[in-house]
Protein backbone atom coordinates (compact mmCIF):
# COMPACT_ATOMS: atom_id res chain seq x y z
CA MET A 1 0.03 0.06 0.08
CA ALA A 2 3.07 2.18 0.93
CA ASP A 3 4.69 1.82 -2.11
CA GLY A 4 1.64 2.23 -4.38
CA VAL A 5 1.58 5.58 -7.18
CA ASP A 6 -1.61 6.01 -6.57
CA PHE A 7 -3.16 6.47 -3.42
CA ASP A 8 -7.29 6.20 -2.17
CA LEU A 9 -8.05 8.98 0.82
CA GLY A 10 -10.94 6.93 1.55
CA GLN A 11 -8.96 4.44 3.71
CA LEU A 12 -7.82 6.51 6.04
CA SER A 13 -9.67 7.91 8.80
CA SER A 14 -10.55 11.66 9.47
CA GLN A 15 -7.65 12.12 11.56
CA GLN A 16 -5.13 10.89 9.20
CA GLN A 17 -6.52 12.95 7.09
CA GLU A 18 -5.89 16.08 9.30
CA THR A 19 -2.39 14.82 9.82
CA LEU A 20 -1.72 14.02 6.07
CA GLN A 21 -3.25 17.83 5.17
CA GLN A 22 -0.63 19.51 8.18
CA TYR A 23 2.38 17.56 6.68
CA THR A 24 1.70 18.34 2.94
CA ASP A 25 1.07 22.05 3.91
CA VAL A 26 4.69 22.53 5.45
CA THR A 27 6.79 19.96 3.21
CA GLY A 28 5.27 20.01 -0.07
CA GLN A 29 6.03 16.62 -0.35
CA GLU A 30 3.65 14.87 -2.76
CA ILE A 31 0.79 12.26 -1.30
CA LYS A 32 2.16 8.89 -2.74
CA ASP A 33 5.36 10.13 -0.91
CA ALA A 34 4.00 11.57 2.31
CA VAL A 35 1.66 8.58 2.94
CA PRO A 36 4.39 6.15 3.77
CA LEU A 37 6.70 8.32 5.58
CA LEU A 38 3.59 9.09 8.09
CA GLU A 39 2.82 5.14 8.29
CA ARG A 40 6.62 4.61 9.38
CA SER A 41 6.29 7.43 11.60
CA GLN A 42 2.83 6.15 13.23
CA TRP A 43 1.04 9.35 11.72
CA ASN A 44 3.18 11.30 14.16
CA VAL A 45 3.29 14.39 12.27
CA GLN A 46 6.82 16.50 14.29
CA ILE A 47 8.56 13.06 14.05
CA ALA A 48 7.53 12.65 10.03
CA ILE A 49 8.42 16.66 9.18
CA ALA A 50 11.78 16.16 10.93
CA LYS A 51 12.69 13.28 8.92
CA PHE A 52 11.97 15.10 6.24
CA PHE A 53 13.83 17.78 7.18
CA ASP A 54 16.78 15.98 9.05
CA GLY A 55 16.60 12.57 7.36
CA GLU A 56 14.70 9.30 8.04
CA GLY A 57 16.96 7.36 10.11
CA PRO A 58 16.64 3.54 11.60
CA ASP A 59 15.95 4.93 15.00
CA LEU A 60 12.20 2.79 15.41
CA VAL A 61 12.88 2.52 19.30
CA ALA A 62 12.08 6.09 19.41
CA GLU A 63 9.44 6.26 16.48
CA ALA A 64 7.63 3.15 18.68
CA GLN A 65 8.28 5.72 21.89
CA ALA A 66 6.64 8.38 20.39
CA ALA A 67 3.78 6.61 19.02
CA GLN A 68 3.20 5.18 22.50
CA ASN A 69 3.53 8.41 24.56
CA ASN A 70 2.23 10.51 22.03
CA PRO A 71 -1.15 8.45 20.52
CA PRO A 72 -3.54 10.18 17.71
CA LEU A 73 -5.51 12.56 19.54
CA THR A 74 -9.41 12.35 18.36
CA ALA A 75 -11.04 15.47 18.00
CA ALA A 76 -14.20 15.67 20.42
CA THR A 77 -17.48 16.57 18.38
CA TYR A 78 -20.53 18.16 19.65
CA GLU A 79 -23.71 17.94 17.95
CA ASN A 80 -28.02 18.03 18.67
CA LEU A 81 -30.35 15.61 16.91
CA HIS A 82 -31.42 18.95 14.67
CA GLU A 83 -27.82 19.61 13.24
CA SER A 84 -27.60 15.55 12.58
CA PHE A 85 -30.60 16.01 10.33
CA LEU A 86 -29.41 19.21 8.46
CA ASP A 87 -25.48 17.78 7.58
CA ALA A 88 -27.13 14.60 6.43
CA ASP A 89 -26.77 15.57 2.75
CA ASP A 90 -23.74 17.43 3.55
CA ASP A 91 -20.24 15.43 2.41
CA ARG A 92 -17.65 17.46 2.87
CA PRO A 93 -15.81 16.58 6.15
CA ARG A 94 -17.04 19.46 8.90
CA ARG A 95 -13.76 20.79 9.06
CA MET A 96 -14.40 22.49 5.50
CA ARG A 97 -18.15 23.40 6.43
CA SER A 98 -19.00 26.81 7.88
CA PRO A 99 -20.47 27.44 10.61
CA ARG A 100 -24.63 27.51 11.45
CA THR A 101 -25.91 30.51 12.35
CA GLU A 102 -28.54 30.06 15.63
CA VAL A 103 -32.15 29.18 14.09
CA ALA A 104 -34.71 32.28 14.51
CA PRO A 105 -37.49 31.57 16.10
CA ARG A 106 -40.86 32.23 15.54
CA VAL A 107 -42.62 33.82 18.19
CA VAL A 108 -46.66 33.55 18.06
CA PRO A 109 -47.59 35.04 21.67
CA HIS A 110 -49.46 33.01 23.81
CA GLN A 111 -52.79 35.04 24.42
CA PRO A 112 -54.00 34.62 28.08
CA VAL A 113 -57.64 32.49 28.47
CA ASN A 114 -59.76 33.76 31.65
CA ILE A 115 -61.32 30.04 32.94
CA ARG A 116 -63.97 30.84 35.33
CA PRO A 117 -65.64 28.07 37.40
CA ARG A 118 -69.21 28.34 37.06
CA GLY A 119 -71.83 26.74 39.88
CA LEU A 120 -71.07 25.63 43.16
CA PHE A 121 -67.77 25.07 42.79
CA SER A 122 -67.65 29.53 41.89
CA ILE A 123 -69.21 29.94 45.56
CA PHE A 124 -66.49 27.55 46.69
CA LEU A 125 -63.52 29.46 45.32
CA ALA A 126 -64.89 33.10 45.64
CA PRO A 127 -63.47 33.76 49.07
CA PHE A 128 -60.11 32.72 47.82
CA SER A 129 -60.90 34.90 44.47
CA THR A 130 -61.74 37.53 46.55
CA THR A 131 -59.10 37.62 49.08
CA TRP A 132 -56.23 37.57 45.94
CA HIS A 133 -57.55 40.30 44.38
CA LEU A 134 -57.65 42.30 47.54
CA THR A 135 -53.60 41.35 48.41
CA ARG A 136 -52.86 42.19 44.37
CA GLY A 137 -54.66 45.60 44.73
CA VAL A 138 -53.01 46.25 48.46
CA MET A 139 -49.47 45.24 46.13
CA GLY A 140 -49.78 47.29 43.71
CA VAL A 141 -50.39 50.79 45.95
CA PHE A 142 -47.61 49.50 47.98
CA GLY A 143 -45.15 49.37 44.87
CA ARG A 144 -46.38 52.60 43.62
CA ILE A 145 -45.82 53.89 46.94
CA LEU A 146 -42.20 52.54 46.57
CA ALA A 147 -41.69 53.58 42.90
CA PHE A 148 -42.42 57.69 43.98
CA PHE A 149 -40.21 57.29 47.02
CA PHE A 150 -37.41 55.44 45.01
CA ALA A 151 -37.83 58.18 42.13
CA PHE A 152 -36.03 61.12 44.08
CA LEU A 153 -33.10 59.19 44.83
CA PRO A 154 -30.03 58.80 43.19
CA ALA A 155 -29.70 56.00 40.42
CA SER A 156 -27.01 54.75 42.65
CA PHE A 157 -29.19 54.26 45.78
CA ARG A 158 -31.99 52.60 43.85
CA PRO A 159 -32.80 49.15 43.91
CA ARG A 160 -32.45 47.97 40.50
CA TYR A 161 -35.46 45.09 40.87
CA LEU A 162 -37.66 48.57 41.56
CA GLY A 163 -36.59 50.28 38.22
CA THR A 164 -35.58 53.80 38.05
CA THR A 165 -39.01 55.57 36.88
CA ILE A 166 -42.62 54.92 37.84
CA ARG A 167 -43.02 55.06 34.19
CA GLY A 168 -41.18 51.81 34.53
CA LEU A 169 -42.83 50.41 37.04
CA ARG A 170 -46.17 51.08 35.45
CA GLN A 171 -45.12 49.61 32.36
CA ALA A 172 -43.46 46.73 33.93
CA HIS A 173 -46.49 45.42 36.38
CA GLY A 174 -49.49 46.97 34.32
CA ARG A 175 -49.39 45.71 30.88
CA SER A 176 -52.38 43.58 29.22
CA ALA A 177 -51.92 41.30 26.65
CA THR A 178 -53.01 42.82 23.61
CA LEU A 179 -53.03 41.12 19.73
CA PRO A 180 -50.17 41.90 17.79
CA GLN A 181 -51.37 44.72 15.79
CA GLU A 182 -52.45 46.46 18.77
CA ALA A 183 -48.98 45.94 20.63
CA ALA A 184 -47.22 46.89 17.70
CA ARG A 185 -49.29 50.54 17.21
CA ARG A 186 -48.89 51.11 21.41
CA PHE A 187 -44.99 50.61 21.12
CA ARG A 188 -44.62 53.22 18.30
CA ARG A 189 -47.37 55.35 19.92
CA GLU A 190 -45.24 55.40 22.76
CA PHE A 191 -42.17 55.54 21.54
CA GLU A 192 -43.02 58.88 19.16
CA GLU A 193 -44.37 60.33 22.64
CA ALA A 194 -40.91 59.93 24.42
CA TYR A 195 -38.80 60.72 21.61
CA GLY A 196 -40.62 62.59 19.24
CA THR A 197 -40.33 62.60 15.32
CA HIS A 198 -38.25 60.81 13.97
CA GLY A 199 -37.04 58.63 10.54
CA LEU A 200 -37.37 55.22 11.51
CA THR A 201 -40.41 52.99 10.01
CA PHE A 202 -41.54 50.40 12.49
CA PHE A 203 -43.16 47.38 10.97
CA GLU A 204 -47.05 47.21 11.56
CA GLY A 205 -47.27 44.04 13.12
CA GLY A 206 -46.40 41.04 15.00
CA HIS A 207 -43.20 39.11 15.30
CA ALA A 208 -43.92 36.03 13.37
CA GLN A 209 -45.77 38.53 10.55
CA ALA A 210 -42.18 40.50 10.46
CA LEU A 211 -40.71 37.52 10.43
CA ASP A 212 -42.69 35.45 7.63
CA THR A 213 -42.55 39.32 5.50
CA ALA A 214 -38.58 38.75 6.00
CA LYS A 215 -38.49 35.42 4.81
CA TRP A 216 -40.58 35.77 1.84
CA ASP A 217 -39.41 38.95 0.65
CA LEU A 218 -35.78 37.62 1.61
CA LYS A 219 -34.85 41.32 3.70
CA PHE A 220 -33.01 41.01 6.87
CA LEU A 221 -35.00 41.50 10.18
CA LEU A 222 -33.33 43.99 12.31
CA MET A 223 -35.11 43.10 15.84
CA VAL A 224 -34.72 46.04 18.82
CA LEU A 225 -35.89 45.34 22.09
CA ILE A 226 -36.15 47.82 24.82
CA SER A 227 -36.32 47.74 28.75
CA PRO A 228 -37.69 50.76 30.59
CA GLU A 229 -36.69 49.73 33.63
CA HIS A 230 -32.91 49.62 32.40
CA ASP A 231 -30.23 52.50 32.84
CA ASP A 232 -29.22 52.55 29.14
CA THR A 233 -31.97 52.71 27.30
CA ASP A 234 -32.61 55.57 27.01
CA ALA A 235 -28.89 56.79 25.80
CA PHE A 236 -28.99 54.08 23.24
CA ILE A 237 -32.23 54.66 22.15
CA ARG A 238 -31.42 59.01 21.42
CA ASN A 239 -27.57 58.49 20.86
CA THR A 240 -27.41 55.74 18.87
CA LEU A 241 -30.72 54.20 17.60
CA LEU A 242 -32.22 57.14 16.34
CA SER A 243 -28.60 58.91 15.82
CA PRO A 244 -28.54 60.35 12.02
CA ASP A 245 -26.11 57.52 10.91
CA VAL A 246 -28.02 54.66 12.05
CA VAL A 247 -31.57 56.00 10.94
CA ASN A 248 -30.17 56.54 7.71
CA TYR A 249 -28.18 53.08 7.50
CA ILE A 250 -31.48 51.17 8.45
CA SER A 251 -33.83 53.34 6.20
CA ASP A 252 -31.69 53.25 3.01
CA PRO A 253 -34.32 50.33 0.39
CA SER A 254 -30.48 49.00 -0.72
CA ASN A 255 -29.88 47.44 2.53
CA ASN A 256 -33.30 45.52 2.09
CA ILE A 257 -33.91 45.86 6.33
CA ILE A 258 -37.20 45.43 8.14
CA LEU A 259 -37.07 46.84 11.84
CA TRP A 260 -39.70 45.76 14.34
CA GLY A 261 -39.26 47.06 17.71
CA GLY A 262 -40.80 45.70 21.18
CA ASN A 263 -40.97 46.51 24.92
CA VAL A 264 -40.34 43.85 27.05
CA ALA A 265 -42.97 45.10 29.34
CA ASP A 266 -45.43 43.75 26.34
CA PRO A 267 -45.86 39.64 26.61
CA GLU A 268 -45.35 39.30 22.77
CA ALA A 269 -42.15 41.34 23.38
CA HIS A 270 -40.84 39.51 26.49
CA GLN A 271 -41.26 35.95 24.73
CA VAL A 272 -39.47 37.06 22.12
CA ALA A 273 -36.55 38.08 24.43
CA ASN A 274 -36.95 34.90 26.29
CA GLU A 275 -36.82 32.63 22.73
CA TYR A 276 -33.51 34.56 22.00
CA SER A 277 -31.68 34.66 24.60
CA CYS A 278 -31.82 37.65 25.46
CA VAL A 279 -29.72 38.66 28.86
CA GLU A 280 -28.49 42.45 28.32
CA TYR A 281 -30.42 45.54 26.89
CA PRO A 282 -30.82 47.54 25.05
CA PHE A 283 -31.30 43.83 22.43
CA SER A 284 -30.95 44.20 18.96
CA CYS A 285 -30.44 40.99 16.64
CA LEU A 286 -30.51 40.51 12.98
CA VAL A 287 -32.44 37.79 11.06
CA CYS A 288 -32.35 36.46 7.22
CA LEU A 289 -33.19 33.64 5.34
CA THR A 290 -30.18 31.66 5.09
CA PRO A 291 -30.30 29.60 2.18
CA LYS A 292 -27.03 27.44 2.29
CA GLU A 293 -28.49 26.28 5.28
CA GLY A 294 -31.89 25.00 4.37
CA SER A 295 -34.10 26.74 1.64
CA THR A 296 -36.73 28.11 4.93
CA ARG A 297 -34.37 28.68 7.16
CA MET A 298 -34.19 31.92 9.31
CA GLY A 299 -30.82 32.65 10.96
CA ILE A 300 -29.55 34.82 13.65
CA VAL A 301 -26.86 36.64 11.74
CA LYS A 302 -25.86 38.91 14.25
CA ARG A 303 -26.44 39.96 17.98
CA LEU A 304 -25.84 43.53 19.20
CA ALA A 305 -26.14 43.54 22.94
CA GLY A 306 -25.77 46.33 25.94
CA PRO A 307 -24.89 50.26 24.67
CA MET A 308 -22.44 50.75 21.67
CA THR A 309 -21.70 53.98 19.57
CA PRO A 310 -23.35 54.50 16.32
CA ALA A 311 -20.53 53.49 14.89
CA ALA A 312 -20.09 50.19 16.33
CA TYR A 313 -23.69 49.71 15.90
CA ILE A 314 -23.53 49.80 11.88
CA ALA A 315 -20.48 48.04 11.57
CA GLY A 316 -22.18 45.19 13.67
CA LEU A 317 -24.84 45.62 10.83
CA GLN A 318 -22.51 46.26 8.21
CA ASP A 319 -20.72 43.08 8.45
CA ALA A 320 -23.71 40.36 8.84
CA ILE A 321 -25.64 42.11 5.58
CA THR A 322 -22.26 42.16 3.63
CA LYS A 323 -21.67 38.37 4.76
CA TYR A 324 -25.41 37.18 3.91
CA SER A 325 -26.68 39.33 1.15
CA PRO A 326 -24.71 37.66 -1.36
CA ASP A 327 -26.98 34.95 -0.76
CA LEU A 328 -30.19 36.43 -0.23
CA ASN A 329 -29.42 37.71 -3.92
CA ARG A 330 -29.05 34.83 -5.67
CA ALA A 331 -31.79 33.38 -3.67
CA ARG A 332 -34.08 36.05 -5.25
CA ALA A 333 -32.32 35.38 -8.59
CA GLU A 334 -33.43 31.99 -8.27
CA ARG A 335 -36.92 33.16 -7.19
CA ALA A 336 -37.22 35.26 -9.98
CA ALA A 337 -36.16 32.30 -12.33
CA GLN A 338 -38.53 30.42 -11.08
CA GLU A 339 -41.23 33.47 -10.99
CA LEU A 340 -40.22 33.95 -14.81
CA ALA A 341 -40.18 30.41 -15.98
CA ARG A 342 -43.66 30.20 -13.78
CA ASN A 343 -44.68 32.85 -16.15
CA LEU A 344 -43.91 31.94 -18.79
CA ARG A 345 -45.49 28.51 -18.13
CA ASN A 346 -48.76 30.16 -17.38
CA GLU A 347 -48.48 32.10 -20.48
CA GLN A 348 -48.06 29.20 -22.71
CA ASP A 349 -50.63 27.07 -20.90
CA SER A 350 -52.79 30.28 -21.37
CA ALA A 351 -51.69 30.46 -25.35
CA TYR A 352 -52.65 26.72 -25.64
CA GLU A 353 -55.68 26.98 -23.45
CA ARG A 354 -56.87 30.10 -25.95
CA SER A 355 -55.76 28.29 -29.31
CA LEU A 356 -57.45 25.00 -28.03
CA ALA A 357 -60.56 27.16 -27.49
CA ARG A 358 -60.45 28.59 -31.12
CA ASP A 359 -59.69 24.87 -32.23
CA ARG A 360 -62.73 23.88 -30.23
CA GLU A 361 -64.88 26.88 -31.78
CA ARG A 362 -63.95 25.80 -35.31
CA ALA A 363 -64.86 22.49 -34.43
CA ARG A 364 -68.02 23.60 -33.42
CA GLN A 365 -68.70 26.07 -36.41
CA LYS A 366 -67.90 23.31 -38.29
CA ARG A 367 -70.13 21.04 -37.02
CA GLU A 368 -72.83 23.19 -37.03
CA ALA A 369 -72.02 24.15 -40.42
CA GLU A 370 -72.18 20.21 -41.56
CA ALA A 371 -75.34 19.97 -39.45
CA ALA A 372 -77.18 22.58 -40.99
CA ALA A 373 -76.13 22.02 -44.45
CA ALA A 374 -76.85 18.37 -43.45
CA ALA A 375 -80.41 19.82 -42.32
CA ALA A 376 -80.92 21.64 -45.10
CA GLU A 377 -80.09 19.51 -48.11
CA LYS A 378 -82.65 16.97 -45.95
CA ARG A 379 -85.39 19.20 -45.68
CA ALA A 380 -84.66 19.88 -49.26
CA LEU A 381 -85.19 16.58 -50.55
CA GLU A 382 -88.10 16.50 -48.26
CA GLU A 383 -89.59 19.05 -49.76
CA ALA A 384 -88.66 17.64 -52.99
CA GLU A 385 -89.97 15.10 -52.51
CA LYS A 386 -93.55 16.28 -50.57
CA ALA A 387 -93.38 18.63 -54.08
CA ALA A 388 -92.47 15.56 -56.30
CA ARG A 389 -95.73 13.33 -54.40
CA GLN A 390 -97.92 17.09 -54.56
CA GLU A 391 -97.24 17.33 -58.20
CA GLU A 392 -98.47 13.89 -59.04
CA LEU A 393 -101.94 14.24 -56.87
CA ARG A 394 -101.86 17.22 -58.97
CA ARG A 395 -101.78 15.43 -62.19
CA GLN A 396 -104.24 12.56 -61.15
CA TRP A 397 -106.43 15.63 -59.98
CA ARG A 398 -106.32 17.53 -63.17
CA LYS A 399 -107.03 14.08 -65.10
CA TRP A 400 -109.74 13.49 -62.62
CA ARG A 401 -111.46 16.70 -62.96
CA ALA A 402 -111.11 16.89 -66.12
CA THR A 403 -113.62 13.94 -66.48
CA THR A 404 -116.00 16.27 -64.31
CA VAL A 405 -116.35 19.43 -66.53
CA ALA A 406 -119.61 19.66 -68.42
CA SER A 407 -119.39 20.35 -71.87
CA GLU A 408 -120.31 23.82 -73.78
CA PRO A 409 -124.18 24.00 -73.62
CA GLU A 410 -126.58 25.87 -76.21
CA ALA A 411 -126.57 29.12 -76.83
CA LYS A 412 -129.96 29.43 -74.93
CA ASP A 413 -129.89 30.29 -71.56
CA ALA A 414 -126.51 30.20 -71.75
CA VAL A 415 -123.71 32.63 -70.62
CA ARG A 416 -121.27 33.67 -72.94
CA LEU A 417 -117.48 34.85 -71.46
CA ALA A 418 -114.42 35.88 -72.98
CA LEU A 419 -111.29 34.53 -70.92
CA ASN A 420 -107.94 35.64 -70.78
CA MET A 421 -106.36 32.44 -69.74
CA PRO A 422 -103.05 32.76 -67.21
CA ALA A 423 -99.83 32.75 -68.92
CA SER A 424 -99.11 29.33 -66.94
CA ALA A 425 -101.91 27.42 -69.35
CA GLY A 426 -100.11 29.13 -71.95
CA GLY A 427 -102.45 32.32 -72.47
CA GLY A 428 -104.62 33.80 -74.94
CA ARG A 429 -108.11 34.54 -74.98
CA VAL A 430 -111.11 31.75 -75.13
CA ILE A 431 -114.47 32.26 -76.18
CA ARG A 432 -116.54 29.53 -73.91
CA ARG A 433 -120.83 29.49 -73.72
CA PHE A 434 -121.10 28.29 -69.58
CA ALA A 435 -124.71 27.61 -68.31
CA SER A 436 -125.95 29.75 -65.97
CA ASN A 437 -126.07 27.49 -63.25
CA THR A 438 -122.08 26.71 -63.16
CA THR A 439 -120.43 27.47 -60.46
CA LEU A 440 -117.05 29.42 -59.88
CA GLU A 441 -115.39 26.40 -58.86
CA GLU A 442 -116.19 24.60 -62.34
CA LEU A 443 -115.45 27.74 -63.88
CA TYR A 444 -111.63 27.65 -61.96
CA ALA A 445 -111.67 23.80 -62.84
CA PHE A 446 -112.37 24.72 -66.55
CA VAL A 447 -109.71 26.74 -66.61
CA GLU A 448 -107.25 24.89 -64.71
CA CYS A 449 -107.46 21.21 -67.34
CA TYR A 450 -108.24 23.68 -70.66
CA ASP A 451 -104.88 21.78 -72.16
CA LEU A 452 -106.42 18.24 -70.94
CA LEU A 453 -109.70 19.19 -72.45
CA GLN A 454 -108.17 20.67 -75.60
CA GLU A 455 -106.13 17.45 -76.22
CA GLY A 456 -109.31 15.43 -76.29
CA SER A 457 -107.53 12.42 -74.53
CA LEU A 458 -109.48 12.10 -71.30
CA ASP A 459 -109.23 9.39 -69.36
CA GLU A 460 -112.51 8.07 -68.21
CA LYS A 461 -110.81 5.48 -64.75
CA ALA A 462 -108.95 8.31 -63.70
CA THR A 463 -110.20 8.71 -59.99
CA GLU A 464 -109.93 12.11 -57.03
CA PRO A 465 -106.89 11.64 -55.11
CA GLU A 466 -108.06 10.64 -51.59
CA GLY A 467 -106.69 13.34 -49.12
CA TYR A 468 -105.89 15.68 -51.39
CA GLU A 469 -106.94 18.96 -51.33
CA HIS A 470 -106.39 21.19 -54.28
CA LYS A 471 -105.07 24.52 -55.19
CA TYR A 472 -105.18 26.79 -57.70
CA GLY A 473 -102.53 28.62 -59.13
CA PHE A 474 -104.63 31.46 -60.33
CA GLN A 475 -107.30 34.19 -59.72
CA ILE A 476 -110.08 34.90 -62.47
CA ALA A 477 -111.34 38.79 -61.96
CA SER A 478 -113.87 40.64 -63.72
CA MET A 479 -112.80 43.91 -65.98
CA LEU A 480 -115.00 46.62 -65.48
CA PRO A 481 -115.50 46.75 -62.53
CA ARG A 482 -112.48 44.84 -61.16
CA GLU A 483 -113.55 42.38 -58.99
CA THR A 484 -111.93 38.80 -57.92
CA LEU A 485 -114.07 35.78 -58.31
CA GLU A 486 -113.54 33.15 -55.82
CA PRO A 487 -113.85 29.41 -56.56
CA SER A 488 -117.51 28.90 -54.56
CA LYS A 489 -119.17 25.93 -54.68
CA THR A 490 -122.55 27.92 -54.31
CA VAL A 491 -121.92 31.19 -56.08
CA THR A 492 -122.69 30.97 -59.89
CA ILE A 493 -121.50 32.30 -63.21
CA GLY A 494 -125.11 33.61 -63.88
CA GLN A 495 -125.28 35.96 -60.64
CA LYS A 496 -122.05 37.34 -61.53
CA MET A 497 -121.71 37.84 -65.10
CA GLY A 498 -125.62 37.89 -66.02
CA ARG A 499 -125.86 36.84 -69.90
CA GLY A 500 -121.73 37.52 -70.48
CA GLY A 501 -118.64 39.40 -70.11
CA SER A 502 -115.01 39.33 -70.58
CA LEU A 503 -112.81 37.77 -67.47
CA VAL A 504 -109.35 37.47 -66.99
CA ALA A 505 -107.27 34.74 -64.83
CA GLU A 506 -103.74 35.90 -63.69
CA ASP A 507 -101.03 33.57 -61.99
CA LEU A 508 -100.72 33.98 -58.60
CA VAL A 509 -97.34 35.29 -57.47
CA ASP A 510 -95.73 33.66 -54.20
CA ASP A 511 -94.73 35.85 -51.38
CA ASP A 512 -91.09 34.45 -51.74
CA ASP A 513 -91.08 34.85 -55.15
CA GLN A 514 -92.11 39.10 -54.56
CA GLU A 515 -89.69 39.10 -51.93
CA GLU A 516 -86.65 38.28 -54.69
CA LYS A 517 -88.35 40.44 -57.42
């Protein structure tokens, strides 16, 4: 193994790899030559380095004693279960991994729940409840009296647990739990009342909402926790937090800072202080997304506790922002690329849906057009068949009716008519005598069957078609005065024309034909 030219480093333990790294950093020797020398030196880096520079001698006893007196040290490692899961996908040696940031807890304030006993149990507890409220009231009055008394003493003589001002004691003991938005509004209002107008813009919501906003917008969340009971709070706010340089740095949009503030006298801010292990006030904490440690992991990247100058405060923030801004920029670029790809897919899907809708509409119109054409063709065929049947029935009726037309009577008691025939019958003028009792319908039948009567080829066997009602395609009218004579079976020619006259037979024009003209 030692004499091989190619050597597999995976056969070495982590401690042997570290020893090999130290040896090659000092000597610059190639690995294929360094590994055999380290093996002969029992992996003692000092002996191996001495052999490399001074020459290797056959002092095997010294090597054995050195190996016995200086066994390889194993570096102690400490980890928790959470870090073990986070490191499961990281194949790099532990010494090459960057130290992890602390996880930024997401604090949701606990709302108080008042459970009031009912029934006999409430009666049993009534004396204890009354005693508790009286004792609490007396202690509150006593605390205010002590606060008023110690307010006139110098700061060095005041007991710290009582606070430094009456306002501080009132805030520490008289704040009730409210919704996060209401607590944020109260903090801003009290901050402006105490320090006037300023250029800082505090987040209008609770800590959990601010943390979620910073995670979603890929910004830094700067949390500022103040304690009115602390002696350095007022000086820190006036001289550091509200200094023009700090205000300008925090308000600069290029720094991507979301500012959230809280008074530890409030339940939510007090819970935040406990979750973030705040032991010194005033306390500031910078939190951001740490993509390298988890795609959704919010980490604590900077803690600023205690009084400090504006320059030191800005330097602390700037170091952390400079270190983690590239990671956030890459995350923004990846998110922008994902958003662009998602929008592109949406546009493509929308275009595909529109194209599909157009194709469906065209297909629907085509189907409707084909159905309409088929229906029109079917209707035309049916109408043609119906017209053919009607024409056949009409021919049969004309053959039958021609056999029933009365022949021309003698001149005595006859009505002599001059008929101008319709164009459908070939036109022309016909003069004929009719019996005076001949009905107008008989006159219409004569005009209808005139061509058959002229030919003289009557079919005596012709019968009237069943269910057929003949309609004449012309009308007969008198000339002077003009009067249309309807084909009546009761009105006679003698009643209308007397001894004779002139009549005209005119073809009827359909409404559709009239519209086309």
